[in-house]
C-alpha atoms as a PDB file:
ATOM      1  CA  MET A   1       0.323  33.980  -6.639  1.00  0.00           C
ATOM      2  CA  ILE A   2      -0.869  30.277  -6.222  1.00  0.00           C
ATOM      3  CA  SER A   3      -4.071  30.412  -5.022  1.00  0.00           C
ATOM      4  CA  PRO A   4      -6.557  28.790  -4.497  1.00  0.00           C
ATOM      5  CA  TRP A   5      -4.043  26.889  -1.982  1.00  0.00           C
ATOM      6  CA  LEU A   6      -1.742  27.921   0.255  1.00  0.00           C
ATOM      7  CA  ILE A   7       1.921  26.585   0.646  1.00  0.00           C
ATOM      8  CA  LEU A   8       3.600  25.382   3.967  1.00  0.00           C
ATOM      9  CA  ASN A   9       6.708  23.510   3.440  1.00  0.00           C
ATOM     10  CA  ARG A  10       5.771  22.264   0.757  1.00  0.00           C
ATOM     11  CA  ARG A  11       2.425  21.158   1.477  1.00  0.00           C
ATOM     12  CA  TYR A  12      -0.736  22.178   0.429  1.00  0.00           C
ATOM     13  CA  ILE A  13      -4.014  23.170   1.931  1.00  0.00           C
ATOM     14  CA  PHE A  14      -6.642  22.825  -0.233  1.00  0.00           C
ATOM     15  CA  LYS A  15     -10.220  24.131   0.153  1.00  0.00           C
ATOM     16  CA  MET A  16     -12.313  21.537  -1.248  1.00  0.00           C
ATOM     17  CA  LYS A  17     -15.624  22.633  -2.846  1.00  0.00           C
ATOM     18  CA  ARG A  18     -18.735  22.009  -1.708  1.00  0.00           C
ATOM     19  CA  SER A  19     -21.093  23.103  -3.994  1.00  0.00           C
ATOM     20  CA  LEU A  20     -23.023  21.063  -6.715  1.00  0.00           C
ATOM     21  CA  ALA A  21     -24.321  23.930  -8.631  1.00  0.00           C
ATOM     22  CA  HIS A  22     -22.984  22.312 -12.053  1.00  0.00           C
ATOM     23  CA  LEU A  23     -24.793  19.577 -11.911  1.00  0.00           C
ATOM     24  CA  PRO A  24     -28.580  19.593 -12.945  1.00  0.00           C
ATOM     25  CA  ARG A  25     -31.330  19.219 -10.403  1.00  0.00           C
ATOM     26  CA  GLU A  26     -32.285  15.431 -11.082  1.00  0.00           C
ATOM     27  CA  LYS A  27     -28.540  14.639 -10.274  1.00  0.00           C
ATOM     28  CA  LYS A  28     -28.378  16.775  -7.132  1.00  0.00           C
ATOM     29  CA  ASP A  29     -31.564  14.899  -5.853  1.00  0.00           C
ATOM     30  CA  GLU A  30     -29.675  11.296  -6.309  1.00  0.00           C
ATOM     31  CA  LEU A  31     -26.294  12.338  -4.440  1.00  0.00           C
ATOM     32  CA  ARG A  32     -28.538  13.785  -1.713  1.00  0.00           C
ATOM     33  CA  ALA A  33     -30.268  10.356  -1.443  1.00  0.00           C
ATOM     34  CA  VAL A  34     -27.140   8.759  -1.780  1.00  0.00           C
ATOM     35  CA  VAL A  35     -25.714  10.180   1.174  1.00  0.00           C
ATOM     36  CA  GLU A  36     -28.569   9.586   3.186  1.00  0.00           C
ATOM     37  CA  ILE A  37     -28.168   6.212   2.260  1.00  0.00           C
ATOM     38  CA  ILE A  38     -24.435   5.579   3.261  1.00  0.00           C
ATOM     39  CA  ARG A  39     -25.009   7.878   6.284  1.00  0.00           C
ATOM     40  CA  GLU A  40     -27.947   5.075   7.309  1.00  0.00           C
ATOM     41  CA  LEU A  41     -25.474   2.393   6.804  1.00  0.00           C
ATOM     42  CA  ILE A  42     -22.189   3.820   7.573  1.00  0.00           C
ATOM     43  CA  ASP A  43     -20.239   5.841  10.375  1.00  0.00           C
ATOM     44  CA  ALA A  44     -18.642   7.773   7.706  1.00  0.00           C
ATOM     45  CA  GLU A  45     -16.121  10.631   8.410  1.00  0.00           C
ATOM     46  CA  PHE A  46     -16.252  12.016   5.004  1.00  0.00           C
ATOM     47  CA  ILE A  47     -18.202  11.322   1.790  1.00  0.00           C
ATOM     48  CA  ILE A  48     -16.210  13.087  -1.733  1.00  0.00           C
ATOM     49  CA  LEU A  49     -17.648  12.872  -4.855  1.00  0.00           C
ATOM     50  CA  PHE A  50     -14.615  12.565  -7.588  1.00  0.00           C
ATOM     51  CA  GLY A  51     -14.120  11.871 -11.225  1.00  0.00           C
ATOM     52  CA  SER A  52     -16.398  13.112 -14.227  1.00  0.00           C
ATOM     53  CA  TYR A  53     -19.423  14.496 -11.866  1.00  0.00           C
ATOM     54  CA  ALA A  54     -17.339  16.372  -9.796  1.00  0.00           C
ATOM     55  CA  ARG A  55     -15.082  17.842 -13.018  1.00  0.00           C
ATOM     56  CA  GLY A  56     -18.306  18.286 -14.831  1.00  0.00           C
ATOM     57  CA  ASP A  57     -17.395  16.549 -17.889  1.00  0.00           C
ATOM     58  CA  TRP A  58     -19.828  13.398 -17.122  1.00  0.00           C
ATOM     59  CA  VAL A  59     -21.140  11.675 -20.106  1.00  0.00           C
ATOM     60  CA  GLU A  60     -24.529   9.970 -20.849  1.00  0.00           C
ATOM     61  CA  ASP A  61     -24.113   8.495 -24.547  1.00  0.00           C
ATOM     62  CA  ARG A  62     -26.188   6.014 -26.667  1.00  0.00           C
ATOM     63  CA  TYR A  63     -25.745   5.734 -30.233  1.00  0.00           C
ATOM     64  CA  THR A  64     -26.314   3.317 -32.887  1.00  0.00           C
ATOM     65  CA  ALA A  65     -23.141   2.290 -35.130  1.00  0.00           C
ATOM     66  CA  GLU A  66     -23.558   1.062 -38.849  1.00  0.00           C
ATOM     67  CA  ASP A  67     -23.756  -2.502 -37.670  1.00  0.00           C
ATOM     68  CA  GLY A  68     -27.272  -1.745 -36.183  1.00  0.00           C
ATOM     69  CA  ILE A  69     -25.666  -2.245 -32.760  1.00  0.00           C
ATOM     70  CA  THR A  70     -26.952   0.321 -29.970  1.00  0.00           C
ATOM     71  CA  TYR A  71     -24.120   1.098 -27.554  1.00  0.00           C
ATOM     72  CA  GLU A  72     -24.754   3.354 -24.522  1.00  0.00           C
ATOM     73  CA  TYR A  73     -22.068   4.529 -21.857  1.00  0.00           C
ATOM     74  CA  GLN A  74     -22.669   6.523 -18.549  1.00  0.00           C
ATOM     75  CA  SER A  75     -20.422   7.924 -16.180  1.00  0.00           C
ATOM     76  CA  ASP A  76     -20.661   7.111 -12.475  1.00  0.00           C
ATOM     77  CA  TYR A  77     -21.007   8.842  -9.375  1.00  0.00           C
ATOM     78  CA  ASP A  78     -17.531   8.271  -8.261  1.00  0.00           C
ATOM     79  CA  LEU A  79     -17.594   8.104  -4.228  1.00  0.00           C
ATOM     80  CA  LEU A  80     -15.014   7.896  -1.571  1.00  0.00           C
ATOM     81  CA  VAL A  81     -16.193   6.870   1.670  1.00  0.00           C
ATOM     82  CA  VAL A  82     -13.940   7.593   4.518  1.00  0.00           C
ATOM     83  CA  VAL A  83     -14.309   5.617   8.055  1.00  0.00           C
ATOM     84  CA  GLN A  84     -12.588   4.889  10.776  1.00  0.00           C
ATOM     85  CA  ASP A  85     -12.906   1.310  11.336  1.00  0.00           C
ATOM     86  CA  LEU A  86     -12.627  -0.491   7.314  1.00  0.00           C
ATOM     87  CA  PRO A  87     -12.814  -3.620   8.543  1.00  0.00           C
ATOM     88  CA  LYS A  88     -16.082  -3.595  10.102  1.00  0.00           C
ATOM     89  CA  TYR A  89     -17.593  -2.743   6.298  1.00  0.00           C
ATOM     90  CA  GLN A  90     -14.777  -4.024   3.984  1.00  0.00           C
ATOM     91  CA  TYR A  91     -15.663  -7.529   3.439  1.00  0.00           C
ATOM     92  CA  LYS A  92     -19.274  -7.317   4.409  1.00  0.00           C
ATOM     93  CA  GLY A  93     -20.992  -6.308   1.207  1.00  0.00           C
ATOM     94  CA  TYR A  94     -21.964  -2.454   2.041  1.00  0.00           C
ATOM     95  CA  ARG A  95     -21.246  -1.293  -1.421  1.00  0.00           C
ATOM     96  CA  ASN A  96     -23.717  -3.710  -3.169  1.00  0.00           C
ATOM     97  CA  ARG A  97     -26.317  -3.093  -0.174  1.00  0.00           C
ATOM     98  CA  ILE A  98     -25.719   0.844  -0.858  1.00  0.00           C
ATOM     99  CA  LYS A  99     -26.181   0.582  -4.320  1.00  0.00           C
ATOM    100  CA  TYR A 100     -29.126  -1.890  -4.169  1.00  0.00           C
ATOM    101  CA  ARG A 101     -31.084   0.753  -1.920  1.00  0.00           C
ATOM    102  CA  ALA A 102     -30.063   3.334  -3.867  1.00  0.00           C
ATOM    103  CA  ARG A 103     -31.712   2.259  -7.061  1.00  0.00           C
ATOM    104  CA  LYS A 104     -34.899   0.403  -5.288  1.00  0.00           C
ATOM    105  CA  PHE A 105     -35.351   3.177  -2.864  1.00  0.00           C
ATOM    106  CA  ALA A 106     -34.044   6.473  -4.016  1.00  0.00           C
ATOM    107  CA  GLY A 107     -34.736   5.690  -7.854  1.00  0.00           C
ATOM    108  CA  CYS A 108     -31.132   6.409  -8.690  1.00  0.00           C
ATOM    109  CA  THR A 109     -30.393   5.693 -12.376  1.00  0.00           C
ATOM    110  CA  THR A 110     -26.641   6.639 -12.505  1.00  0.00           C
ATOM    111  CA  PRO A 111     -24.515   3.957 -11.465  1.00  0.00           C
ATOM    112  CA  LEU A 112     -22.216   3.744  -8.100  1.00  0.00           C
ATOM    113  CA  SER A 113     -18.767   3.423  -7.922  1.00  0.00           C
ATOM    114  CA  ILE A 114     -17.728   3.298  -3.914  1.00  0.00           C
ATOM    115  CA  ILE A 115     -14.368   3.000  -2.889  1.00  0.00           C
ATOM    116  CA  MET A 116     -13.968   2.949   0.799  1.00  0.00           C
ATOM    117  CA  HIS A 117     -10.664   3.446   2.909  1.00  0.00           C
ATOM    118  CA  SER A 118      -9.756   4.516   6.621  1.00  0.00           C
ATOM    119  CA  LEU A 119      -8.939   7.584   7.920  1.00  0.00           C
ATOM    120  CA  ASP A 120      -5.207   6.523   8.269  1.00  0.00           C
ATOM    121  CA  GLU A 121      -5.388   5.711   5.016  1.00  0.00           C
ATOM    122  CA  PHE A 122      -6.888   8.507   3.268  1.00  0.00           C
ATOM    123  CA  ASN A 123      -4.553  10.638   5.816  1.00  0.00           C
ATOM    124  CA  GLN A 124      -1.063   8.903   4.860  1.00  0.00           C
ATOM    125  CA  ALA A 125      -2.013   8.721   1.201  1.00  0.00           C
ATOM    126  CA  VAL A 126      -2.984  12.626   0.989  1.00  0.00           C
ATOM    127  CA  GLY A 127       0.300  13.472   3.341  1.00  0.00           C
ATOM    128  CA  ASN A 128       2.635  11.596   1.058  1.00  0.00           C
ATOM    129  CA  GLY A 129       1.370  13.274  -2.015  1.00  0.00           C
ATOM    130  CA  GLU A 130       0.059  10.337  -3.564  1.00  0.00           C
ATOM    131  CA  TYR A 131      -1.689  12.055  -6.423  1.00  0.00           C
ATOM    132  CA  PHE A 132      -4.710   9.736  -6.950  1.00  0.00           C
ATOM    133  CA  PHE A 133      -6.155  10.821  -3.595  1.00  0.00           C
ATOM    134  CA  VAL A 134      -4.217  14.794  -3.631  1.00  0.00           C
ATOM    135  CA  ASP A 135      -6.477  14.974  -6.893  1.00  0.00           C
ATOM    136  CA  ILE A 136      -9.608  14.066  -4.853  1.00  0.00           C
ATOM    137  CA  LYS A 137      -9.181  16.475  -2.208  1.00  0.00           C
ATOM    138  CA  LYS A 138      -8.025  19.129  -5.274  1.00  0.00           C
ATOM    139  CA  GLU A 139     -10.867  18.775  -7.347  1.00  0.00           C
ATOM    140  CA  GLY A 140     -13.684  16.962  -5.482  1.00  0.00           C
ATOM    141  CA  ILE A 141     -16.596  17.949  -3.775  1.00  0.00           C
ATOM    142  CA  LEU A 142     -17.172  17.205  -0.308  1.00  0.00           C
ATOM    143  CA  LEU A 143     -20.802  15.956   0.412  1.00  0.00           C
ATOM    144  CA  TYR A 144     -20.648  15.120   4.320  1.00  0.00           C
ATOM    145  CA  ARG A 145     -17.985  15.164   6.898  1.00  0.00           C
ATOM    146  CA  SER A 146     -18.856  14.339  10.467  1.00  0.00           C
ATOM    147  CA  GLY A 147     -17.004  17.102  11.729  1.00  0.00           C
ATOM    148  CA  ARG A 148     -14.988  14.738  14.059  1.00  0.00           C
ATOM    149  CA  PHE A 149     -11.514  14.987  12.234  1.00  0.00           C
ATOM    150  CA  ARG A 150      -9.974  17.513   9.838  1.00  0.00           C
ATOM    151  CA  LEU A 151      -9.056  17.040   6.120  1.00  0.00           C
ATOM    152  CA  PRO A 152      -5.786  15.934   6.010  1.00  0.00           C
ATOM    153  CA  VAL A 153      -3.048  18.774   4.516  1.00  0.00           C
ATOM    154  CA  ALA A 154      -1.591  17.548   1.368  1.00  0.00           C
ATOM    155  CA  ARG A 155       1.643  17.319  -0.031  1.00  0.00           C
ATOM    156  CA  LYS A 156       2.247  18.079  -3.755  1.00  0.00           C
ATOM    157  CA  LEU A 157       4.409  15.401  -5.938  1.00  0.00           C
ATOM    158  CA  SER A 158       6.938  17.348  -8.178  1.00  0.00           C
ATOM    159  CA  SER A 159       6.217  16.162 -11.904  1.00  0.00           C
ATOM    160  CA  LYS A 160       9.432  14.503 -11.881  1.00  0.00           C
ATOM    161  CA  ALA A 161       8.386  12.343  -8.778  1.00  0.00           C
ATOM    162  CA  ARG A 162       5.237  11.826 -10.984  1.00  0.00           C
ATOM    163  CA  LYS A 163       6.853  10.475 -13.432  1.00  0.00           C
ATOM    164  CA  ASN A 164       9.183   8.145 -11.519  1.00  0.00           C
ATOM    165  CA  LYS A 165       6.160   6.421  -9.750  1.00  0.00           C
ATOM    166  CA  ALA A 166       4.518   6.241 -13.203  1.00  0.00           C
ATOM    167  CA  GLU A 167       7.692   4.744 -14.762  1.00  0.00           C
ATOM    168  CA  ALA A 168       8.268   2.484 -11.674  1.00  0.00           C
ATOM    169  CA  HIS A 169       4.717   1.308 -11.370  1.00  0.00           C
ATOM    170  CA  PHE A 170       4.782   0.389 -15.454  1.00  0.00           C
ATOM    171  CA  LYS A 171       7.933  -1.916 -15.128  1.00  0.00           C
ATOM    172  CA  ASN A 172       6.807  -3.614 -12.028  1.00  0.00           C
ATOM    173  CA  TRP A 173       3.244  -4.254 -12.915  1.00  0.00           C
ATOM    174  CA  PHE A 174       3.294  -4.462 -16.737  1.00  0.00           C
ATOM    175  CA  GLU A 175       6.262  -7.577 -16.468  1.00  0.00           C
ATOM    176  CA  SER A 176       4.246  -9.333 -13.808  1.00  0.00           C
ATOM    177  CA  ALA A 177       0.954  -9.117 -15.789  1.00  0.00           C
ATOM    178  CA  LYS A 178       3.123 -10.585 -19.300  1.00  0.00           C
ATOM    179  CA  ASN A 179       4.940 -13.271 -17.304  1.00  0.00           C
ATOM    180  CA  LEU A 180       1.271 -14.419 -16.406  1.00  0.00           C
ATOM    181  CA  PHE A 181      -0.304 -14.522 -19.793  1.00  0.00           C
ATOM    182  CA  THR A 182       2.878 -16.538 -20.460  1.00  0.00           C
ATOM    183  CA  GLY A 183       1.929 -18.566 -17.708  1.00  0.00           C
ATOM    184  CA  TYR A 184      -1.371 -19.191 -19.245  1.00  0.00           C
ATOM    185  CA  GLY A 185       0.080 -20.339 -22.333  1.00  0.00           C
ATOM    186  CA  MET A 186       2.265 -23.018 -20.494  1.00  0.00           C
ATOM    187  CA  PHE A 187      -1.031 -24.434 -18.994  1.00  0.00           C
ATOM    188  CA  PHE A 188      -2.726 -24.097 -22.100  1.00  0.00           C
ATOM    189  CA  GLU A 189      -0.049 -26.627 -23.911  1.00  0.00           C
ATOM    190  CA  LYS A 190      -0.884 -28.948 -21.521  1.00  0.00           C
ATOM    191  CA  ASP A 191      -4.285 -28.703 -21.444  1.00  0.00           C
ATOM    192  CA  MET A 192      -4.777 -27.442 -17.529  1.00  0.00           C
ATOM    193  CA  LEU A 193      -7.986 -25.347 -18.822  1.00  0.00           C
ATOM    194  CA  LYS A 194      -8.759 -24.550 -15.359  1.00  0.00           C
ATOM    195  CA  GLU A 195      -5.294 -23.115 -14.341  1.00  0.00           C
ATOM    196  CA  SER A 196      -4.757 -21.416 -17.643  1.00  0.00           C
ATOM    197  CA  ALA A 197      -8.030 -19.613 -17.264  1.00  0.00           C
ATOM    198  CA  PHE A 198      -7.085 -18.110 -13.809  1.00  0.00           C
ATOM    199  CA  LEU A 199      -3.864 -17.065 -15.105  1.00  0.00           C
ATOM    200  CA  LEU A 200      -5.291 -15.522 -18.333  1.00  0.00           C
ATOM    201  CA  HIS A 201      -7.904 -13.474 -15.596  1.00  0.00           C
ATOM    202  CA  GLN A 202      -4.820 -12.659 -13.340  1.00  0.00           C
ATOM    203  CA  ALA A 203      -2.876 -11.325 -16.547  1.00  0.00           C
ATOM    204  CA  ALA A 204      -5.776  -9.485 -17.757  1.00  0.00           C
ATOM    205  CA  GLU A 205      -6.657  -7.804 -13.957  1.00  0.00           C
ATOM    206  CA  ARG A 206      -2.752  -6.658 -13.989  1.00  0.00           C
ATOM    207  CA  PHE A 207      -2.732  -5.266 -17.573  1.00  0.00           C
ATOM    208  CA  TYR A 208      -5.589  -2.675 -15.957  1.00  0.00           C
ATOM    209  CA  HIS A 209      -3.691  -2.455 -12.790  1.00  0.00           C
ATOM    210  CA  THR A 210      -1.073  -1.512 -14.975  1.00  0.00           C
ATOM    211  CA  VAL A 211      -3.163   1.407 -16.608  1.00  0.00           C
ATOM    212  CA  LEU A 212      -4.659   2.850 -13.891  1.00  0.00           C
ATOM    213  CA  LEU A 213      -1.226   2.960 -11.055  1.00  0.00           C
ATOM    214  CA  VAL A 214       0.665   4.384 -14.460  1.00  0.00           C
ATOM    215  CA  PHE A 215      -2.740   7.484 -14.622  1.00  0.00           C
ATOM    216  CA  THR A 216      -3.561   7.559 -11.119  1.00  0.00           C
ATOM    217  CA  ASP A 217      -1.143   6.147  -8.699  1.00  0.00           C
ATOM    218  CA  TYR A 218      -4.082   4.177  -7.460  1.00  0.00           C
ATOM    219  CA  LYS A 219      -6.121   0.706  -7.841  1.00  0.00           C
ATOM    220  CA  PRO A 220      -9.297  -0.282  -6.041  1.00  0.00           C
ATOM    221  CA  ARG A 221      -9.434  -3.232  -3.971  1.00  0.00           C
ATOM    222  CA  THR A 222     -11.384  -5.563  -6.414  1.00  0.00           C
ATOM    223  CA  HIS A 223     -10.909  -8.240  -8.602  1.00  0.00           C
ATOM    224  CA  ASP A 224     -14.053  -7.714 -10.919  1.00  0.00           C
ATOM    225  CA  LEU A 225     -12.775  -7.208 -14.600  1.00  0.00           C
ATOM    226  CA  ALA A 226     -15.634  -5.047 -15.348  1.00  0.00           C
ATOM    227  CA  GLU A 227     -15.407  -2.981 -12.677  1.00  0.00           C
ATOM    228  CA  LEU A 228     -11.565  -2.276 -13.799  1.00  0.00           C
ATOM    229  CA  GLY A 229     -12.501  -1.943 -17.285  1.00  0.00           C
ATOM    230  CA  LYS A 230     -14.753   0.436 -16.943  1.00  0.00           C
ATOM    231  CA  ARG A 231     -12.227   2.590 -14.657  1.00  0.00           C
ATOM    232  CA  VAL A 232      -9.788   2.182 -17.961  1.00  0.00           C
ATOM    233  CA  ASP A 233     -12.391   3.229 -19.958  1.00  0.00           C
ATOM    234  CA  GLN A 234     -12.830   6.301 -17.817  1.00  0.00           C
ATOM    235  CA  LEU A 235      -8.482   7.250 -18.523  1.00  0.00           C
ATOM    236  CA  SER A 236      -8.337   6.279 -22.384  1.00  0.00           C
ATOM    237  CA  SER A 237     -11.527   5.462 -24.942  1.00  0.00           C
ATOM    238  CA  SER A 238      -9.108   3.410 -26.644  1.00  0.00           C
ATOM    239  CA  PHE A 239      -9.876   0.276 -24.144  1.00  0.00           C
ATOM    240  CA  LYS A 240     -13.830   0.531 -24.600  1.00  0.00           C
ATOM    241  CA  GLY A 241     -14.524  -3.090 -27.217  1.00  0.00           C
ATOM    242  CA  ILE A 242     -11.675  -4.785 -25.883  1.00  0.00           C
ATOM    243  CA  PHE A 243     -13.988  -7.314 -24.352  1.00  0.00           C
ATOM    244  CA  PRO A 244     -17.139  -6.928 -26.593  1.00  0.00           C
ATOM    245  CA  GLN A 245     -20.586  -7.536 -24.958  1.00  0.00           C
ATOM    246  CA  ASN A 246     -22.670  -7.031 -28.023  1.00  0.00           C
ATOM    247  CA  THR A 247     -24.130 -10.701 -28.089  1.00  0.00           C
ATOM    248  CA  ASP A 248     -25.109 -13.102 -26.050  1.00  0.00           C
ATOM    249  CA  GLU A 249     -22.057 -15.326 -27.222  1.00  0.00           C
ATOM    250  CA  GLU A 250     -19.458 -12.373 -26.362  1.00  0.00           C
ATOM    251  CA  LYS A 251     -21.043 -11.931 -22.664  1.00  0.00           C
ATOM    252  CA  HIS A 252     -20.975 -15.485 -21.998  1.00  0.00           C
ATOM    253  CA  LEU A 253     -17.261 -15.278 -22.731  1.00  0.00           C
ATOM    254  CA  PHE A 254     -16.631 -12.575 -20.701  1.00  0.00           C
ATOM    255  CA  GLU A 255     -18.340 -13.857 -18.073  1.00  0.00           C
ATOM    256  CA  LEU A 256     -16.046 -17.132 -17.840  1.00  0.00           C
ATOM    257  CA  LEU A 257     -13.058 -14.921 -18.019  1.00  0.00           C
ATOM    258  CA  LYS A 258     -14.721 -12.651 -14.869  1.00  0.00           C
ATOM    259  CA  ARG A 259     -15.484 -15.971 -12.717  1.00  0.00           C
ATOM    260  CA  ALA A 260     -12.279 -17.801 -13.505  1.00  0.00           C
ATOM    261  CA  TYR A 261     -10.499 -15.834 -10.247  1.00  0.00           C
ATOM    262  CA  THR A 262     -12.958 -17.617  -8.172  1.00  0.00           C
ATOM    263  CA  GLU A 263     -14.427 -20.476  -9.748  1.00  0.00           C
ATOM    264  CA  ALA A 264     -11.320 -22.180 -11.893  1.00  0.00           C
ATOM    265  CA  ARG A 265      -9.932 -22.423  -8.399  1.00  0.00           C
ATOM    266  CA  TYR A 266     -12.436 -23.917  -6.344  1.00  0.00           C
ATOM    267  CA  HIS A 267     -15.759 -24.789  -8.042  1.00  0.00           C
ATOM    268  CA  VAL A 268     -15.713 -28.452  -9.523  1.00  0.00           C
ATOM    269  CA  GLY A 269     -18.116 -27.091 -12.190  1.00  0.00           C
ATOM    270  CA  TYR A 270     -16.314 -24.717 -13.827  1.00  0.00           C
ATOM    271  CA  LYS A 271     -15.991 -25.324 -17.388  1.00  0.00           C
ATOM    272  CA  ILE A 272     -13.834 -23.857 -20.015  1.00  0.00           C
ATOM    273  CA  THR A 273     -13.081 -24.803 -23.749  1.00  0.00           C
ATOM    274  CA  ARG A 274      -9.791 -24.565 -25.754  1.00  0.00           C
ATOM    275  CA  GLU A 275     -12.062 -22.744 -28.388  1.00  0.00           C
ATOM    276  CA  GLU A 276     -13.346 -20.304 -25.523  1.00  0.00           C
ATOM    277  CA  LEU A 277      -9.919 -19.723 -24.261  1.00  0.00           C
ATOM    278  CA  ARG A 278      -8.074 -19.312 -27.812  1.00  0.00           C
ATOM    279  CA  TYR A 279     -10.742 -16.215 -28.234  1.00  0.00           C
ATOM    280  CA  LEU A 280     -10.367 -14.711 -24.522  1.00  0.00           C
ATOM    281  CA  ALA A 281      -6.536 -14.556 -24.924  1.00  0.00           C
ATOM    282  CA  GLU A 282      -6.781 -12.962 -28.107  1.00  0.00           C
ATOM    283  CA  ARG A 283      -8.464 -10.376 -26.428  1.00  0.00           C
ATOM    284  CA  VAL A 284      -6.011 -10.276 -23.735  1.00  0.00           C
ATOM    285  CA  SER A 285      -3.504 -10.263 -26.029  1.00  0.00           C
ATOM    286  CA  MET A 286      -4.789  -6.895 -27.332  1.00  0.00           C
ATOM    287  CA  LEU A 287      -5.232  -5.589 -23.810  1.00  0.00           C
ATOM    288  CA  GLN A 288      -1.053  -6.380 -23.309  1.00  0.00           C
ATOM    289  CA  ASP A 289      -0.555  -4.278 -26.674  1.00  0.00           C
ATOM    290  CA  LEU A 290      -2.756  -1.339 -25.737  1.00  0.00           C
ATOM    291  CA  THR A 291      -1.496  -1.274 -22.008  1.00  0.00           C
ATOM    292  CA  GLU A 292       2.144  -0.791 -23.454  1.00  0.00           C
ATOM    293  CA  ALA A 293       1.216   1.633 -25.982  1.00  0.00           C
ATOM    294  CA  VAL A 294      -0.964   3.851 -23.865  1.00  0.00           C
ATOM    295  CA  CYS A 295       1.042   3.681 -20.569  1.00  0.00           C
ATOM    296  CA  LYS A 296       4.685   4.364 -22.465  1.00  0.00           C
ATOM    297  CA  ALA A 297       2.547   7.526 -24.260  1.00  0.00           C
ATOM    298  CA  LYS A 298       1.738   8.680 -20.862  1.00  0.00           C
ATOM    299  CA  ILE A 299       4.791   8.388 -19.164  1.00  0.00           C
ATOM    300  CA  SER A 300       6.249  10.141 -22.174  1.00  0.00           C
ATOM    301  CA  SER A 301       3.835  12.802 -22.001  1.00  0.00           C
ATOM    302  CA  LEU A 302       4.944  13.672 -18.174  1.00  0.00           C
ATOM    303  CA  THR A 303       8.027  16.609 -18.256  1.00  0.00           C
ATOM    304  CA  ASP A 304      10.823  16.076 -16.179  1.00  0.00           C
ATOM    305  CA  LYS A 305      10.917  19.648 -14.927  1.00  0.00           C
ATOM    306  CA  SER A 306      10.390  19.894 -11.109  1.00  0.00           C
ATOM    307  CA  GLN A 307       7.640  21.953  -9.860  1.00  0.00           C
END
């Protein structure tokens, strides 16, 4: 017996959870308020909580290390918002407006991480067995549905198929990231610092993409290294501290790398020194080594046994 799903031609009807009973009252209240804010701003078909708060393994950790520096980590509410008309919302700051209202008007102290996809994208991804979305449907909690559409039926990939996808993602994205890192060095030697900063950003972004795709078969639509890094941290704690931000100088250096995606190409006032680039390149080199080790270990852990 393969409860709680029903197999139909290798497709699986997952009964999505709807209860938040495992969460403390203040978390339930925050999520209900956030759902109302989303509904006020967006004509959503489905709003789904996934990740640590859906599974019940969220973290709220604060500690002081031996060096006297206080470290704090708090899990996000991971929310998938499914809409019919994605272009209407995609590039108009709706996610930031939701986050702002949640903090200001609902007193939400838990960070929000929101991804938005069209109904067609969601249906296709679940139907094709893309395991990021299949896992959301299997493990997530349905917070809201419009009632206009049914949840799609999931196709479950075999372990062998998942391993093959992970291997393909690693080969493609890791090689691409390494090439961009090499390009950074070529421009650096020519003293073309803006160009080298942009390529360094792109290398870091693609190393993060490699990890996300190997582990989840999904990468969000963002170039924000802070957001990508936070998602990768949730997959492997080994990545925490790759870009330390314990001092004002460390924060400044990371901001230079983050801003390089746009400002190194388009803003005359963007400035970065060779010393700053050398430091950032050392961190990206560490990111490269860790990406390779963690992804190879993940791929090795996947069995070739078909299910």
